[in-house]
Amino acid sequence: MLHSGTEEAEIIDEEEYSSFQALKEHKAKYKRCHEGLQELAGPFKAASDSVDALRQGLLDSFESWYGASFGEYPASAGPAPASGGGGDVMDDDEAFEQLQMQKVASG
């Protein structure tokens, strides 16, 4: 039935009403959970950044110790830093070739 100037009210059954109520509750729960997740994201990022910084510091300390102890740098560190000795640093292929030549010469 239409009243003058107003629209007819939509009538819903009990099952549809229950579905709307459940949807409303789930949306509210989702919103609370999302807000909780947002609150945890800041401390998690800070902890992750701290771990990354500590890991890099540990690697730097290890490389420094290794270089001081053995006079060279670990292979994982990439090329050895330039030394003041003026010697030519061999790449992996050159070092392998030199090792093969030593084996042939001594063998």
Protein backbone atom coordinates (compact mmCIF):
# COMPACT_ATOMS: atom_id res chain seq x y z
CA MET A 1 0.00 0.00 0.00
CA LEU A 2 1.35 3.41 -0.93
CA HIS A 3 0.91 6.45 1.20
CA SER A 4 1.11 9.84 -0.33
CA GLY A 5 4.76 11.00 -0.54
CA THR A 6 6.26 7.88 1.08
CA GLU A 7 7.47 4.62 -0.32
CA GLU A 8 6.09 1.29 0.66
CA ALA A 9 8.08 -0.29 3.50
CA GLU A 10 9.97 -3.40 2.50
CA ILE A 11 8.82 -6.41 4.42
CA ILE A 12 11.36 -9.13 5.13
CA ASP A 13 10.83 -12.55 6.63
CA GLU A 14 12.45 -13.86 9.80
CA GLU A 15 15.16 -15.82 7.97
CA GLU A 16 16.29 -12.77 6.01
CA TYR A 17 16.26 -10.69 9.21
CA SER A 18 18.46 -13.32 10.93
CA SER A 19 20.86 -13.21 7.99
CA PHE A 20 21.11 -9.41 8.20
CA GLN A 21 21.75 -9.59 11.95
CA ALA A 22 24.43 -12.28 11.51
CA LEU A 23 26.06 -10.22 8.75
CA LYS A 24 26.05 -7.16 11.00
CA GLU A 25 27.68 -9.14 13.84
CA HIS A 26 30.32 -10.61 11.52
CA LYS A 27 31.16 -7.17 10.16
CA ALA A 28 31.57 -5.83 13.70
CA LYS A 29 33.81 -8.79 14.62
CA TYR A 30 35.87 -8.29 11.45
CA LYS A 31 36.29 -4.61 12.28
CA ARG A 32 37.53 -5.42 15.81
CA CYS A 33 39.95 -8.06 14.51
CA HIS A 34 41.26 -5.72 11.81
CA GLU A 35 41.84 -2.96 14.35
CA GLY A 36 43.72 -5.46 16.56
CA LEU A 37 45.86 -6.46 13.59
CA GLN A 38 46.64 -2.81 12.84
CA GLU A 39 47.72 -2.30 16.47
CA LEU A 40 50.15 -5.23 16.19
CA ALA A 41 51.61 -4.18 12.84
CA GLY A 42 53.67 -1.32 14.30
CA PRO A 43 55.51 -3.36 16.97
CA PHE A 44 55.98 -6.22 14.50
CA LYS A 45 57.61 -3.90 11.95
CA ALA A 46 59.83 -2.39 14.64
CA ALA A 47 60.91 -5.87 15.79
CA SER A 48 61.55 -6.97 12.22
CA ASP A 49 63.65 -3.88 11.51
CA SER A 50 65.59 -4.48 14.72
CA VAL A 51 66.30 -8.09 13.74
CA ASP A 52 67.51 -6.96 10.30
CA ALA A 53 69.83 -4.35 11.84
CA LEU A 54 71.22 -6.85 14.37
CA ARG A 55 71.74 -9.46 11.64
CA GLN A 56 73.67 -6.96 9.52
CA GLY A 57 75.76 -5.94 12.54
CA LEU A 58 76.55 -9.57 13.28
CA LEU A 59 77.59 -10.20 9.66
CA ASP A 60 79.78 -7.09 9.67
CA SER A 61 81.43 -8.15 12.94
CA PHE A 62 82.02 -11.67 11.64
CA GLU A 63 83.57 -10.42 8.41
CA SER A 64 85.81 -8.06 10.35
CA TRP A 65 86.89 -10.84 12.73
CA TYR A 66 87.41 -13.30 9.88
CA GLY A 67 89.51 -10.81 7.92
CA ALA A 68 91.62 -9.98 10.98
CA SER A 69 92.06 -13.65 11.92
CA PHE A 70 92.77 -15.17 8.53
CA GLY A 71 93.91 -12.22 6.44
CA GLU A 72 91.12 -12.75 3.94
CA TYR A 73 87.39 -12.35 3.76
CA PRO A 74 84.80 -15.12 3.59
CA ALA A 75 83.56 -16.06 0.13
CA SER A 76 80.00 -15.05 1.08
CA ALA A 77 81.19 -11.49 1.68
CA GLY A 78 81.85 -10.94 -2.01
CA PRO A 79 85.15 -9.62 -3.26
CA ALA A 80 87.79 -8.84 -0.68
CA PRO A 81 88.29 -5.16 0.02
CA ALA A 82 91.27 -3.53 -1.66
CA SER A 83 94.37 -3.89 0.45
CA GLY A 84 97.21 -1.42 0.73
CA GLY A 85 99.67 -4.07 -0.57
CA GLY A 86 98.99 -3.23 -4.20
CA GLY A 87 98.59 -6.94 -5.10
CA ASP A 88 96.19 -8.02 -7.81
CA VAL A 89 93.11 -9.81 -6.46
CA MET A 90 92.25 -12.93 -8.45
CA ASP A 91 88.70 -13.81 -9.34
CA ASP A 92 87.38 -17.36 -8.89
CA ASP A 93 88.33 -18.49 -12.41
CA GLU A 94 91.89 -17.21 -12.04
CA ALA A 95 92.27 -18.86 -8.64
CA PHE A 96 91.00 -22.18 -10.03
CA GLU A 97 93.35 -21.94 -13.01
CA GLN A 98 96.30 -21.23 -10.70
CA LEU A 99 95.37 -24.21 -8.52
CA GLN A 100 95.23 -26.47 -11.60
CA MET A 101 98.65 -25.21 -12.74
CA GLN A 102 100.12 -25.95 -9.28
CA LYS A 103 98.70 -29.50 -9.38
CA VAL A 104 100.19 -30.11 -12.83
CA ALA A 105 103.55 -28.67 -11.85
CA SER A 106 103.79 -30.71 -8.63
CA GLY A 107 102.22 -33.85 -10.03
